[in-house]
Amino acid sequence: MLTPEEERWAEALAIRRLHGERGPAFIAERIGALALKGDEAGVARWKEIAQRFDQLGRGTLQ
């Protein structure tokens, strides 16, 4: 079983594999849709994924 931290990294990696350079747009679309629904927890989760996706792209894993 993965920790929440490991899940976010796995999700970011999967988005990178599936969407490549379009990953940030995909993530932004998800955040926007969840925000419109008022899903604050969902927005927070996708923001965490976005942060990790960005770190993958910059090669700055912290």
PDB file of N, CA and C in Angstrom:
ATOM      1  N   MET A   1       0.846  -1.185   0.000  1.00  0.00           N
ATOM      2  CA  MET A   1       0.000   0.000   0.000  1.00  0.00           C
ATOM      3  C   MET A   1       0.890   1.247   0.000  1.00  0.00           C
ATOM      4  N   LEU A   2       0.504   2.207  -0.801  1.00  0.00           N
ATOM      5  CA  LEU A   2       1.275   3.432  -0.927  1.00  0.00           C
ATOM      6  C   LEU A   2       0.840   4.463   0.101  1.00  0.00           C
ATOM      7  N   THR A   3       1.793   5.288   0.508  1.00  0.00           N
ATOM      8  CA  THR A   3       1.452   6.434   1.352  1.00  0.00           C
ATOM      9  C   THR A   3       0.844   7.511   0.457  1.00  0.00           C
ATOM     10  N   PRO A   4       0.154   8.485   1.035  1.00  0.00           N
ATOM     11  CA  PRO A   4      -0.376   9.580   0.206  1.00  0.00           C
ATOM     12  C   PRO A   4       0.726  10.284  -0.596  1.00  0.00           C
ATOM     13  N   GLU A   5       1.889  10.456  -0.019  1.00  0.00           N
ATOM     14  CA  GLU A   5       3.016  11.073  -0.719  1.00  0.00           C
ATOM     15  C   GLU A   5       3.426  10.239  -1.930  1.00  0.00           C
ATOM     16  N   GLU A   6       3.517   8.944  -1.749  1.00  0.00           N
ATOM     17  CA  GLU A   6       3.875   8.056  -2.858  1.00  0.00           C
ATOM     18  C   GLU A   6       2.801   8.058  -3.941  1.00  0.00           C
ATOM     19  N   GLU A   7       1.534   8.147  -3.518  1.00  0.00           N
ATOM     20  CA  GLU A   7       0.439   8.204  -4.489  1.00  0.00           C
ATOM     21  C   GLU A   7       0.561   9.427  -5.380  1.00  0.00           C
ATOM     22  N   ARG A   8       0.877  10.595  -4.771  1.00  0.00           N
ATOM     23  CA  ARG A   8       0.995  11.825  -5.565  1.00  0.00           C
ATOM     24  C   ARG A   8       2.112  11.703  -6.593  1.00  0.00           C
ATOM     25  N   TRP A   9       3.250  11.111  -6.179  1.00  0.00           N
ATOM     26  CA  TRP A   9       4.357  10.916  -7.120  1.00  0.00           C
ATOM     27  C   TRP A   9       3.956   9.960  -8.235  1.00  0.00           C
ATOM     28  N   ALA A  10       3.276   8.880  -7.884  1.00  0.00           N
ATOM     29  CA  ALA A  10       2.834   7.915  -8.891  1.00  0.00           C
ATOM     30  C   ALA A  10       1.861   8.573  -9.866  1.00  0.00           C
ATOM     31  N   GLU A  11       0.970   9.402  -9.350  1.00  0.00           N
ATOM     32  CA  GLU A  11       0.011  10.099 -10.208  1.00  0.00           C
ATOM     33  C   GLU A  11       0.730  11.075 -11.142  1.00  0.00           C
ATOM     34  N   ALA A  12       1.688  11.812 -10.610  1.00  0.00           N
ATOM     35  CA  ALA A  12       2.449  12.760 -11.436  1.00  0.00           C
ATOM     36  C   ALA A  12       3.212  12.021 -12.537  1.00  0.00           C
ATOM     37  N   LEU A  13       3.808  10.895 -12.197  1.00  0.00           N
ATOM     38  CA  LEU A  13       4.542  10.110 -13.191  1.00  0.00           C
ATOM     39  C   LEU A  13       3.605   9.564 -14.266  1.00  0.00           C
ATOM     40  N   ALA A  14       2.433   9.104 -13.852  1.00  0.00           N
ATOM     41  CA  ALA A  14       1.462   8.574 -14.812  1.00  0.00           C
ATOM     42  C   ALA A  14       0.985   9.670 -15.762  1.00  0.00           C
ATOM     43  N   ILE A  15       0.735  10.849 -15.240  1.00  0.00           N
ATOM     44  CA  ILE A  15       0.310  11.967 -16.086  1.00  0.00           C
ATOM     45  C   ILE A  15       1.422  12.335 -17.057  1.00  0.00           C
ATOM     46  N   ARG A  16       2.635  12.308 -16.588  1.00  0.00           N
ATOM     47  CA  ARG A  16       3.771  12.609 -17.470  1.00  0.00           C
ATOM     48  C   ARG A  16       3.848  11.592 -18.612  1.00  0.00           C
ATOM     49  N   ARG A  17       3.678  10.319 -18.282  1.00  0.00           N
ATOM     50  CA  ARG A  17       3.721   9.263 -19.301  1.00  0.00           C
ATOM     51  C   ARG A  17       2.565   9.391 -20.285  1.00  0.00           C
ATOM     52  N   LEU A  18       1.372   9.642 -19.775  1.00  0.00           N
ATOM     53  CA  LEU A  18       0.179   9.671 -20.615  1.00  0.00           C
ATOM     54  C   LEU A  18       0.011  10.957 -21.413  1.00  0.00           C
ATOM     55  N   HIS A  19       0.419  12.090 -20.821  1.00  0.00           N
ATOM     56  CA  HIS A  19       0.120  13.381 -21.433  1.00  0.00           C
ATOM     57  C   HIS A  19       1.356  14.172 -21.858  1.00  0.00           C
ATOM     58  N   GLY A  20       2.522  13.763 -21.414  1.00  0.00           N
ATOM     59  CA  GLY A  20       3.748  14.431 -21.820  1.00  0.00           C
ATOM     60  C   GLY A  20       3.711  15.934 -21.578  1.00  0.00           C
ATOM     61  N   GLU A  21       4.042  16.693 -22.627  1.00  0.00           N
ATOM     62  CA  GLU A  21       4.097  18.152 -22.507  1.00  0.00           C
ATOM     63  C   GLU A  21       2.727  18.769 -22.236  1.00  0.00           C
ATOM     64  N   ARG A  22       1.682  18.034 -22.521  1.00  0.00           N
ATOM     65  CA  ARG A  22       0.333  18.529 -22.268  1.00  0.00           C
ATOM     66  C   ARG A  22      -0.090  18.290 -20.807  1.00  0.00           C
ATOM     67  N   GLY A  23       0.778  17.686 -20.030  1.00  0.00           N
ATOM     68  CA  GLY A  23       0.485  17.398 -18.631  1.00  0.00           C
ATOM     69  C   GLY A  23       0.005  18.597 -17.829  1.00  0.00           C
ATOM     70  N   PRO A  24       0.708  19.731 -17.885  1.00  0.00           N
ATOM     71  CA  PRO A  24       0.254  20.893 -17.106  1.00  0.00           C
ATOM     72  C   PRO A  24      -1.156  21.353 -17.496  1.00  0.00           C
ATOM     73  N   ALA A  25      -1.476  21.308 -18.784  1.00  0.00           N
ATOM     74  CA  ALA A  25      -2.817  21.695 -19.217  1.00  0.00           C
ATOM     75  C   ALA A  25      -3.855  20.708 -18.685  1.00  0.00           C
ATOM     76  N   PHE A  26      -3.530  19.413 -18.737  1.00  0.00           N
ATOM     77  CA  PHE A  26      -4.434  18.393 -18.212  1.00  0.00           C
ATOM     78  C   PHE A  26      -4.688  18.626 -16.723  1.00  0.00           C
ATOM     79  N   ILE A  27      -3.620  18.876 -15.981  1.00  0.00           N
ATOM     80  CA  ILE A  27      -3.747  19.112 -14.538  1.00  0.00           C
ATOM     81  C   ILE A  27      -4.580  20.363 -14.273  1.00  0.00           C
ATOM     82  N   ALA A  28      -4.329  21.427 -15.027  1.00  0.00           N
ATOM     83  CA  ALA A  28      -5.088  22.670 -14.844  1.00  0.00           C
ATOM     84  C   ALA A  28      -6.572  22.462 -15.135  1.00  0.00           C
ATOM     85  N   GLU A  29      -6.875  21.663 -16.148  1.00  0.00           N
ATOM     86  CA  GLU A  29      -8.274  21.363 -16.464  1.00  0.00           C
ATOM     87  C   GLU A  29      -8.952  20.629 -15.311  1.00  0.00           C
ATOM     88  N   ARG A  30      -8.235  19.666 -14.732  1.00  0.00           N
ATOM     89  CA  ARG A  30      -8.794  18.911 -13.603  1.00  0.00           C
ATOM     90  C   ARG A  30      -9.038  19.839 -12.416  1.00  0.00           C
ATOM     91  N   ILE A  31      -8.061  20.687 -12.119  1.00  0.00           N
ATOM     92  CA  ILE A  31      -8.211  21.622 -10.990  1.00  0.00           C
ATOM     93  C   ILE A  31      -9.398  22.542 -11.232  1.00  0.00           C
ATOM     94  N   GLY A  32      -9.518  23.060 -12.447  1.00  0.00           N
ATOM     95  CA  GLY A  32     -10.635  23.945 -12.765  1.00  0.00           C
ATOM     96  C   GLY A  32     -11.983  23.264 -12.613  1.00  0.00           C
ATOM     97  N   ALA A  33     -12.094  22.047 -13.107  1.00  0.00           N
ATOM     98  CA  ALA A  33     -13.359  21.308 -13.010  1.00  0.00           C
ATOM     99  C   ALA A  33     -13.727  21.034 -11.553  1.00  0.00           C
ATOM    100  N   LEU A  34     -12.734  20.655 -10.773  1.00  0.00           N
ATOM    101  CA  LEU A  34     -13.001  20.377  -9.359  1.00  0.00           C
ATOM    102  C   LEU A  34     -13.362  21.652  -8.598  1.00  0.00           C
ATOM    103  N   ALA A  35     -12.705  22.757  -8.951  1.00  0.00           N
ATOM    104  CA  ALA A  35     -13.013  24.037  -8.304  1.00  0.00           C
ATOM    105  C   ALA A  35     -14.452  24.456  -8.602  1.00  0.00           C
ATOM    106  N   LEU A  36     -14.879  24.261  -9.850  1.00  0.00           N
ATOM    107  CA  LEU A  36     -16.255  24.606 -10.211  1.00  0.00           C
ATOM    108  C   LEU A  36     -17.272  23.781  -9.437  1.00  0.00           C
ATOM    109  N   LYS A  37     -16.894  22.557  -9.086  1.00  0.00           N
ATOM    110  CA  LYS A  37     -17.781  21.691  -8.298  1.00  0.00           C
ATOM    111  C   LYS A  37     -17.703  21.991  -6.806  1.00  0.00           C
ATOM    112  N   GLY A  38     -16.747  22.823  -6.414  1.00  0.00           N
ATOM    113  CA  GLY A  38     -16.577  23.136  -4.999  1.00  0.00           C
ATOM    114  C   GLY A  38     -15.849  22.039  -4.233  1.00  0.00           C
ATOM    115  N   ASP A  39     -15.118  21.202  -4.930  1.00  0.00           N
ATOM    116  CA  ASP A  39     -14.391  20.082  -4.311  1.00  0.00           C
ATOM    117  C   ASP A  39     -13.008  20.551  -3.851  1.00  0.00           C
ATOM    118  N   GLU A  40     -12.974  21.125  -2.657  1.00  0.00           N
ATOM    119  CA  GLU A  40     -11.726  21.684  -2.142  1.00  0.00           C
ATOM    120  C   GLU A  40     -10.659  20.614  -1.921  1.00  0.00           C
ATOM    121  N   ALA A  41     -11.065  19.445  -1.456  1.00  0.00           N
ATOM    122  CA  ALA A  41     -10.103  18.359  -1.234  1.00  0.00           C
ATOM    123  C   ALA A  41      -9.515  17.897  -2.570  1.00  0.00           C
ATOM    124  N   GLY A  42     -10.363  17.804  -3.586  1.00  0.00           N
ATOM    125  CA  GLY A  42      -9.882  17.415  -4.907  1.00  0.00           C
ATOM    126  C   GLY A  42      -8.912  18.431  -5.478  1.00  0.00           C
ATOM    127  N   VAL A  43      -9.231  19.707  -5.306  1.00  0.00           N
ATOM    128  CA  VAL A  43      -8.342  20.772  -5.781  1.00  0.00           C
ATOM    129  C   VAL A  43      -7.001  20.674  -5.073  1.00  0.00           C
ATOM    130  N   ALA A  44      -7.029  20.482  -3.768  1.00  0.00           N
ATOM    131  CA  ALA A  44      -5.784  20.383  -2.999  1.00  0.00           C
ATOM    132  C   ALA A  44      -4.945  19.198  -3.475  1.00  0.00           C
ATOM    133  N   ARG A  45      -5.598  18.064  -3.718  1.00  0.00           N
ATOM    134  CA  ARG A  45      -4.876  16.872  -4.185  1.00  0.00           C
ATOM    135  C   ARG A  45      -4.205  17.144  -5.527  1.00  0.00           C
ATOM    136  N   TRP A  46      -4.946  17.743  -6.469  1.00  0.00           N
ATOM    137  CA  TRP A  46      -4.383  17.999  -7.794  1.00  0.00           C
ATOM    138  C   TRP A  46      -3.307  19.072  -7.758  1.00  0.00           C
ATOM    139  N   LYS A  47      -3.387  19.987  -6.827  1.00  0.00           N
ATOM    140  CA  LYS A  47      -2.300  20.968  -6.672  1.00  0.00           C
ATOM    141  C   LYS A  47      -1.035  20.275  -6.189  1.00  0.00           C
ATOM    142  N   GLU A  48      -1.189  19.273  -5.316  1.00  0.00           N
ATOM    143  CA  GLU A  48      -0.033  18.492  -4.864  1.00  0.00           C
ATOM    144  C   GLU A  48       0.570  17.711  -6.033  1.00  0.00           C
ATOM    145  N   ILE A  49      -0.292  17.152  -6.872  1.00  0.00           N
ATOM    146  CA  ILE A  49       0.179  16.431  -8.057  1.00  0.00           C
ATOM    147  C   ILE A  49       0.905  17.402  -8.978  1.00  0.00           C
ATOM    148  N   ALA A  50       0.344  18.586  -9.171  1.00  0.00           N
ATOM    149  CA  ALA A  50       0.962  19.602 -10.041  1.00  0.00           C
ATOM    150  C   ALA A  50       2.358  19.969  -9.550  1.00  0.00           C
ATOM    151  N   GLN A  51       2.505  20.105  -8.243  1.00  0.00           N
ATOM    152  CA  GLN A  51       3.812  20.443  -7.677  1.00  0.00           C
ATOM    153  C   GLN A  51       4.834  19.351  -8.006  1.00  0.00           C
ATOM    154  N   ARG A  52       4.448  18.116  -7.868  1.00  0.00           N
ATOM    155  CA  ARG A  52       5.368  17.009  -8.158  1.00  0.00           C
ATOM    156  C   ARG A  52       5.647  16.901  -9.663  1.00  0.00           C
ATOM    157  N   PHE A  53       4.621  17.124 -10.468  1.00  0.00           N
ATOM    158  CA  PHE A  53       4.810  17.108 -11.917  1.00  0.00           C
ATOM    159  C   PHE A  53       5.836  18.166 -12.310  1.00  0.00           C
ATOM    160  N   ASP A  54       5.720  19.340 -11.722  1.00  0.00           N
ATOM    161  CA  ASP A  54       6.673  20.414 -12.000  1.00  0.00           C
ATOM    162  C   ASP A  54       8.075  20.025 -11.580  1.00  0.00           C
ATOM    163  N   GLN A  55       8.214  19.379 -10.441  1.00  0.00           N
ATOM    164  CA  GLN A  55       9.525  18.939  -9.982  1.00  0.00           C
ATOM    165  C   GLN A  55      10.114  17.905 -10.924  1.00  0.00           C
ATOM    166  N   LEU A  56       9.277  17.031 -11.459  1.00  0.00           N
ATOM    167  CA  LEU A  56       9.762  16.047 -12.437  1.00  0.00           C
ATOM    168  C   LEU A  56      10.308  16.751 -13.669  1.00  0.00           C
ATOM    169  N   GLY A  57       9.601  17.763 -14.128  1.00  0.00           N
ATOM    170  CA  GLY A  57      10.007  18.480 -15.324  1.00  0.00           C
ATOM    171  C   GLY A  57      11.283  19.258 -15.153  1.00  0.00           C
ATOM    172  N   ARG A  58      11.515  19.758 -13.955  1.00  0.00           N
ATOM    173  CA  ARG A  58      12.720  20.541 -13.683  1.00  0.00           C
ATOM    174  C   ARG A  58      13.870  19.658 -13.213  1.00  0.00           C
ATOM    175  N   GLY A  59      13.556  18.407 -12.901  1.00  0.00           N
ATOM    176  CA  GLY A  59      14.608  17.535 -12.391  1.00  0.00           C
ATOM    177  C   GLY A  59      15.058  17.906 -10.988  1.00  0.00           C
ATOM    178  N   THR A  60      14.159  18.526 -10.214  1.00  0.00           N
ATOM    179  CA  THR A  60      14.518  18.943  -8.858  1.00  0.00           C
ATOM    180  C   THR A  60      13.653  18.191  -7.847  1.00  0.00           C
ATOM    181  N   LEU A  61      13.923  16.926  -7.688  1.00  0.00           N
ATOM    182  CA  LEU A  61      13.176  16.118  -6.732  1.00  0.00           C
ATOM    183  C   LEU A  61      13.657  16.443  -5.334  1.00  0.00           C
ATOM    184  N   GLN A  62      12.711  16.838  -4.501  1.00  0.00           N
ATOM    185  CA  GLN A  62      13.059  17.216  -3.133  1.00  0.00           C
ATOM    186  C   GLN A  62      12.284  16.363  -2.155  1.00  0.00           C
TER     187      GLN A  62
END
